[in-house]
Amino acid sequence: MSIFDKAKAKAEELYGRAEQLYGESHGDAAAQVDGEAHRLEAEAHEAELQRAGEQDDDGLAGAR
């Protein structure tokens, strides 16, 4: 898992949360639902990256 992939996933998650809060505060149900879906998708992607990183980590940095 690269740090850039993790940062991108976190940014997507924050964007989704912001859109969700906008929808909640302005009574825009479509924005709220879209934001929540975006956030959940980003969280799932981040978890997938984390699992992939744990599987690849054998404790030997750079050794093959």
PDB file of N, CA and C in Angstrom:
ATOM      1  N   MET A   1       0.855  -1.171   0.000  1.00  0.00           N
ATOM      2  CA  MET A   1       0.000   0.000   0.000  1.00  0.00           C
ATOM      3  C   MET A   1       0.895   1.226   0.000  1.00  0.00           C
ATOM      4  N   SER A   2       0.768   2.017  -1.044  1.00  0.00           N
ATOM      5  CA  SER A   2       1.585   3.217  -1.087  1.00  0.00           C
ATOM      6  C   SER A   2       0.914   4.324  -0.278  1.00  0.00           C
ATOM      7  N   ILE A   3       1.725   5.238   0.151  1.00  0.00           N
ATOM      8  CA  ILE A   3       1.207   6.353   0.937  1.00  0.00           C
ATOM      9  C   ILE A   3       0.275   7.219   0.089  1.00  0.00           C
ATOM     10  N   PHE A   4       0.525   7.265  -1.222  1.00  0.00           N
ATOM     11  CA  PHE A   4      -0.320   8.058  -2.099  1.00  0.00           C
ATOM     12  C   PHE A   4      -1.708   7.433  -2.246  1.00  0.00           C
ATOM     13  N   ASP A   5      -1.766   6.112  -2.332  1.00  0.00           N
ATOM     14  CA  ASP A   5      -3.056   5.427  -2.397  1.00  0.00           C
ATOM     15  C   ASP A   5      -3.857   5.664  -1.120  1.00  0.00           C
ATOM     16  N   LYS A   6      -3.166   5.596   0.004  1.00  0.00           N
ATOM     17  CA  LYS A   6      -3.832   5.805   1.288  1.00  0.00           C
ATOM     18  C   LYS A   6      -4.322   7.249   1.418  1.00  0.00           C
ATOM     19  N   ALA A   7      -3.502   8.211   0.985  1.00  0.00           N
ATOM     20  CA  ALA A   7      -3.891   9.620   1.049  1.00  0.00           C
ATOM     21  C   ALA A   7      -5.074   9.896   0.123  1.00  0.00           C
ATOM     22  N   LYS A   8      -5.063   9.282  -1.061  1.00  0.00           N
ATOM     23  CA  LYS A   8      -6.168   9.479  -2.002  1.00  0.00           C
ATOM     24  C   LYS A   8      -7.463   8.913  -1.422  1.00  0.00           C
ATOM     25  N   ALA A   9      -7.394   7.734  -0.830  1.00  0.00           N
ATOM     26  CA  ALA A   9      -8.576   7.122  -0.232  1.00  0.00           C
ATOM     27  C   ALA A   9      -9.122   7.989   0.906  1.00  0.00           C
ATOM     28  N   LYS A  10      -8.229   8.550   1.712  1.00  0.00           N
ATOM     29  CA  LYS A  10      -8.658   9.403   2.825  1.00  0.00           C
ATOM     30  C   LYS A  10      -9.292  10.692   2.295  1.00  0.00           C
ATOM     31  N   ALA A  11      -8.719  11.271   1.225  1.00  0.00           N
ATOM     32  CA  ALA A  11      -9.282  12.484   0.637  1.00  0.00           C
ATOM     33  C   ALA A  11     -10.675  12.205   0.069  1.00  0.00           C
ATOM     34  N   GLU A  12     -10.842  11.064  -0.589  1.00  0.00           N
ATOM     35  CA  GLU A  12     -12.152  10.686  -1.127  1.00  0.00           C
ATOM     36  C   GLU A  12     -13.165  10.515   0.000  1.00  0.00           C
ATOM     37  N   GLU A  13     -12.710   9.932   1.098  1.00  0.00           N
ATOM     38  CA  GLU A  13     -13.592   9.738   2.254  1.00  0.00           C
ATOM     39  C   GLU A  13     -14.038  11.086   2.822  1.00  0.00           C
ATOM     40  N   LEU A  14     -13.101  12.015   2.952  1.00  0.00           N
ATOM     41  CA  LEU A  14     -13.428  13.332   3.484  1.00  0.00           C
ATOM     42  C   LEU A  14     -14.340  14.113   2.541  1.00  0.00           C
ATOM     43  N   TYR A  15     -14.120  13.974   1.240  1.00  0.00           N
ATOM     44  CA  TYR A  15     -14.990  14.618   0.262  1.00  0.00           C
ATOM     45  C   TYR A  15     -16.425  14.090   0.385  1.00  0.00           C
ATOM     46  N   GLY A  16     -16.540  12.787   0.516  1.00  0.00           N
ATOM     47  CA  GLY A  16     -17.857  12.185   0.673  1.00  0.00           C
ATOM     48  C   GLY A  16     -18.550  12.661   1.928  1.00  0.00           C
ATOM     49  N   ARG A  17     -17.798  12.766   3.004  1.00  0.00           N
ATOM     50  CA  ARG A  17     -18.374  13.235   4.270  1.00  0.00           C
ATOM     51  C   ARG A  17     -18.831  14.687   4.144  1.00  0.00           C
ATOM     52  N   ALA A  18     -18.030  15.508   3.462  1.00  0.00           N
ATOM     53  CA  ALA A  18     -18.397  16.909   3.276  1.00  0.00           C
ATOM     54  C   ALA A  18     -19.674  17.022   2.443  1.00  0.00           C
ATOM     55  N   GLU A  19     -19.774  16.230   1.393  1.00  0.00           N
ATOM     56  CA  GLU A  19     -20.970  16.248   0.560  1.00  0.00           C
ATOM     57  C   GLU A  19     -22.191  15.774   1.353  1.00  0.00           C
ATOM     58  N   GLN A  20     -21.994  14.767   2.182  1.00  0.00           N
ATOM     59  CA  GLN A  20     -23.076  14.255   3.019  1.00  0.00           C
ATOM     60  C   GLN A  20     -23.553  15.339   3.990  1.00  0.00           C
ATOM     61  N   LEU A  21     -22.607  16.031   4.628  1.00  0.00           N
ATOM     62  CA  LEU A  21     -22.985  17.098   5.566  1.00  0.00           C
ATOM     63  C   LEU A  21     -23.673  18.262   4.858  1.00  0.00           C
ATOM     64  N   TYR A  22     -23.219  18.576   3.647  1.00  0.00           N
ATOM     65  CA  TYR A  22     -23.878  19.620   2.861  1.00  0.00           C
ATOM     66  C   TYR A  22     -25.335  19.237   2.609  1.00  0.00           C
ATOM     67  N   GLY A  23     -25.533  18.000   2.202  1.00  0.00           N
ATOM     68  CA  GLY A  23     -26.890  17.534   1.943  1.00  0.00           C
ATOM     69  C   GLY A  23     -27.768  17.590   3.177  1.00  0.00           C
ATOM     70  N   GLU A  24     -27.201  17.206   4.316  1.00  0.00           N
ATOM     71  CA  GLU A  24     -27.959  17.238   5.565  1.00  0.00           C
ATOM     72  C   GLU A  24     -28.334  18.665   5.948  1.00  0.00           C
ATOM     73  N   SER A  25     -27.383  19.580   5.825  1.00  0.00           N
ATOM     74  CA  SER A  25     -27.618  20.952   6.278  1.00  0.00           C
ATOM     75  C   SER A  25     -28.518  21.742   5.335  1.00  0.00           C
ATOM     76  N   HIS A  26     -28.555  21.379   4.051  1.00  0.00           N
ATOM     77  CA  HIS A  26     -29.365  22.111   3.082  1.00  0.00           C
ATOM     78  C   HIS A  26     -30.638  21.359   2.683  1.00  0.00           C
ATOM     79  N   GLY A  27     -30.893  20.252   3.319  1.00  0.00           N
ATOM     80  CA  GLY A  27     -32.103  19.493   3.022  1.00  0.00           C
ATOM     81  C   GLY A  27     -32.081  18.862   1.638  1.00  0.00           C
ATOM     82  N   ASP A  28     -30.899  18.626   1.125  1.00  0.00           N
ATOM     83  CA  ASP A  28     -30.733  18.036  -0.210  1.00  0.00           C
ATOM     84  C   ASP A  28     -30.477  16.542  -0.036  1.00  0.00           C
ATOM     85  N   ALA A  29     -31.541  15.756  -0.143  1.00  0.00           N
ATOM     86  CA  ALA A  29     -31.436  14.316   0.096  1.00  0.00           C
ATOM     87  C   ALA A  29     -30.518  13.633  -0.914  1.00  0.00           C
ATOM     88  N   ALA A  30     -30.538  14.088  -2.156  1.00  0.00           N
ATOM     89  CA  ALA A  30     -29.694  13.474  -3.186  1.00  0.00           C
ATOM     90  C   ALA A  30     -28.216  13.668  -2.861  1.00  0.00           C
ATOM     91  N   ALA A  31     -27.835  14.877  -2.447  1.00  0.00           N
ATOM     92  CA  ALA A  31     -26.437  15.137  -2.087  1.00  0.00           C
ATOM     93  C   ALA A  31     -26.049  14.343  -0.850  1.00  0.00           C
ATOM     94  N   GLN A  32     -26.957  14.230   0.080  1.00  0.00           N
ATOM     95  CA  GLN A  32     -26.680  13.481   1.309  1.00  0.00           C
ATOM     96  C   GLN A  32     -26.425  12.010   1.000  1.00  0.00           C
ATOM     97  N   VAL A  33     -27.270  11.414   0.196  1.00  0.00           N
ATOM     98  CA  VAL A  33     -27.130  10.002  -0.145  1.00  0.00           C
ATOM     99  C   VAL A  33     -25.885   9.777  -1.000  1.00  0.00           C
ATOM    100  N   ASP A  34     -25.656  10.668  -1.968  1.00  0.00           N
ATOM    101  CA  ASP A  34     -24.476  10.540  -2.818  1.00  0.00           C
ATOM    102  C   ASP A  34     -23.199  10.677  -1.994  1.00  0.00           C
ATOM    103  N   GLY A  35     -23.184  11.613  -1.071  1.00  0.00           N
ATOM    104  CA  GLY A  35     -22.021  11.796  -0.206  1.00  0.00           C
ATOM    105  C   GLY A  35     -21.769  10.586   0.677  1.00  0.00           C
ATOM    106  N   GLU A  36     -22.826  10.041   1.224  1.00  0.00           N
ATOM    107  CA  GLU A  36     -22.683   8.855   2.075  1.00  0.00           C
ATOM    108  C   GLU A  36     -22.153   7.673   1.265  1.00  0.00           C
ATOM    109  N   ALA A  37     -22.669   7.505   0.060  1.00  0.00           N
ATOM    110  CA  ALA A  37     -22.199   6.410  -0.800  1.00  0.00           C
ATOM    111  C   ALA A  37     -20.731   6.601  -1.162  1.00  0.00           C
ATOM    112  N   HIS A  38     -20.358   7.833  -1.461  1.00  0.00           N
ATOM    113  CA  HIS A  38     -18.964   8.139  -1.805  1.00  0.00           C
ATOM    114  C   HIS A  38     -18.045   7.829  -0.621  1.00  0.00           C
ATOM    115  N   ARG A  39     -18.480   8.237   0.567  1.00  0.00           N
ATOM    116  CA  ARG A  39     -17.686   8.012   1.778  1.00  0.00           C
ATOM    117  C   ARG A  39     -17.519   6.520   2.063  1.00  0.00           C
ATOM    118  N   LEU A  40     -18.608   5.765   1.955  1.00  0.00           N
ATOM    119  CA  LEU A  40     -18.548   4.328   2.231  1.00  0.00           C
ATOM    120  C   LEU A  40     -17.662   3.602   1.214  1.00  0.00           C
ATOM    121  N   GLU A  41     -17.744   4.010  -0.035  1.00  0.00           N
ATOM    122  CA  GLU A  41     -16.900   3.411  -1.063  1.00  0.00           C
ATOM    123  C   GLU A  41     -15.422   3.686  -0.778  1.00  0.00           C
ATOM    124  N   ALA A  42     -15.114   4.913  -0.368  1.00  0.00           N
ATOM    125  CA  ALA A  42     -13.733   5.266  -0.050  1.00  0.00           C
ATOM    126  C   ALA A  42     -13.235   4.491   1.170  1.00  0.00           C
ATOM    127  N   GLU A  43     -14.090   4.332   2.175  1.00  0.00           N
ATOM    128  CA  GLU A  43     -13.699   3.565   3.359  1.00  0.00           C
ATOM    129  C   GLU A  43     -13.420   2.110   2.993  1.00  0.00           C
ATOM    130  N   ALA A  44     -14.243   1.546   2.118  1.00  0.00           N
ATOM    131  CA  ALA A  44     -14.035   0.165   1.689  1.00  0.00           C
ATOM    132  C   ALA A  44     -12.733   0.031   0.912  1.00  0.00           C
ATOM    133  N   HIS A  45     -12.446   1.008   0.062  1.00  0.00           N
ATOM    134  CA  HIS A  45     -11.204   0.976  -0.716  1.00  0.00           C
ATOM    135  C   HIS A  45      -9.997   1.089   0.208  1.00  0.00           C
ATOM    136  N   GLU A  46     -10.085   1.958   1.210  1.00  0.00           N
ATOM    137  CA  GLU A  46      -8.993   2.117   2.163  1.00  0.00           C
ATOM    138  C   GLU A  46      -8.761   0.820   2.947  1.00  0.00           C
ATOM    139  N   ALA A  47      -9.835   0.161   3.354  1.00  0.00           N
ATOM    140  CA  ALA A  47      -9.709  -1.109   4.066  1.00  0.00           C
ATOM    141  C   ALA A  47      -9.085  -2.177   3.168  1.00  0.00           C
ATOM    142  N   GLU A  48      -9.465  -2.169   1.893  1.00  0.00           N
ATOM    143  CA  GLU A  48      -8.893  -3.116   0.934  1.00  0.00           C
ATOM    144  C   GLU A  48      -7.394  -2.879   0.766  1.00  0.00           C
ATOM    145  N   LEU A  49      -6.989  -1.635   0.686  1.00  0.00           N
ATOM    146  CA  LEU A  49      -5.568  -1.307   0.571  1.00  0.00           C
ATOM    147  C   LEU A  49      -4.810  -1.757   1.820  1.00  0.00           C
ATOM    148  N   GLN A  50      -5.431  -1.564   2.966  1.00  0.00           N
ATOM    149  CA  GLN A  50      -4.794  -1.950   4.219  1.00  0.00           C
ATOM    150  C   GLN A  50      -4.628  -3.467   4.298  1.00  0.00           C
ATOM    151  N   ARG A  51      -5.660  -4.217   3.906  1.00  0.00           N
ATOM    152  CA  ARG A  51      -5.554  -5.680   3.911  1.00  0.00           C
ATOM    153  C   ARG A  51      -4.476  -6.158   2.947  1.00  0.00           C
ATOM    154  N   ALA A  52      -4.401  -5.538   1.780  1.00  0.00           N
ATOM    155  CA  ALA A  52      -3.392  -5.913   0.792  1.00  0.00           C
ATOM    156  C   ALA A  52      -1.997  -5.627   1.334  1.00  0.00           C
ATOM    157  N   GLY A  53      -1.852  -4.533   2.055  1.00  0.00           N
ATOM    158  CA  GLY A  53      -0.564  -4.192   2.648  1.00  0.00           C
ATOM    159  C   GLY A  53      -0.165  -5.158   3.740  1.00  0.00           C
ATOM    160  N   GLU A  54      -1.123  -5.617   4.511  1.00  0.00           N
ATOM    161  CA  GLU A  54      -0.830  -6.583   5.577  1.00  0.00           C
ATOM    162  C   GLU A  54      -0.431  -7.936   5.000  1.00  0.00           C
ATOM    163  N   GLN A  55      -1.044  -8.329   3.901  1.00  0.00           N
ATOM    164  CA  GLN A  55      -0.714  -9.607   3.276  1.00  0.00           C
ATOM    165  C   GLN A  55       0.675  -9.581   2.656  1.00  0.00           C
ATOM    166  N   ASP A  56       1.083  -8.427   2.107  1.00  0.00           N
ATOM    167  CA  ASP A  56       2.385  -8.314   1.478  1.00  0.00           C
ATOM    168  C   ASP A  56       3.504  -8.123   2.479  1.00  0.00           C
ATOM    169  N   ASP A  57       3.185  -7.738   3.685  1.00  0.00           N
ATOM    170  CA  ASP A  57       4.203  -7.429   4.687  1.00  0.00           C
ATOM    171  C   ASP A  57       4.699  -8.708   5.361  1.00  0.00           C
ATOM    172  N   ASP A  58       5.916  -9.110   5.001  1.00  0.00           N
ATOM    173  CA  ASP A  58       6.512 -10.292   5.619  1.00  0.00           C
ATOM    174  C   ASP A  58       7.558  -9.907   6.656  1.00  0.00           C
ATOM    175  N   GLY A  59       7.693  -8.599   6.917  1.00  0.00           N
ATOM    176  CA  GLY A  59       8.650  -8.152   7.906  1.00  0.00           C
ATOM    177  C   GLY A  59      10.058  -7.980   7.360  1.00  0.00           C
ATOM    178  N   LEU A  60      10.255  -8.268   6.113  1.00  0.00           N
ATOM    179  CA  LEU A  60      11.576  -8.130   5.508  1.00  0.00           C
ATOM    180  C   LEU A  60      11.520  -7.032   4.463  1.00  0.00           C
ATOM    181  N   ALA A  61      11.813  -5.828   4.898  1.00  0.00           N
ATOM    182  CA  ALA A  61      11.718  -4.683   3.996  1.00  0.00           C
ATOM    183  C   ALA A  61      12.712  -4.810   2.852  1.00  0.00           C
ATOM    184  N   GLY A  62      12.214  -4.846   1.648  1.00  0.00           N
ATOM    185  CA  GLY A  62      13.052  -4.894   0.471  1.00  0.00           C
ATOM    186  C   GLY A  62      13.634  -6.258   0.131  1.00  0.00           C
ATOM    187  N   ALA A  63      13.520  -7.231   1.006  1.00  0.00           N
ATOM    188  CA  ALA A  63      14.099  -8.559   0.756  1.00  0.00           C
ATOM    189  C   ALA A  63      13.096  -9.414  -0.013  1.00  0.00           C
ATOM    190  N   ARG A  64      13.617 -10.218  -0.909  1.00  0.00           N
ATOM    191  CA  ARG A  64      12.749 -11.105  -1.684  1.00  0.00           C
ATOM    192  C   ARG A  64      13.322 -12.489  -1.643  1.00  0.00           C
TER     193      ARG A  64
END
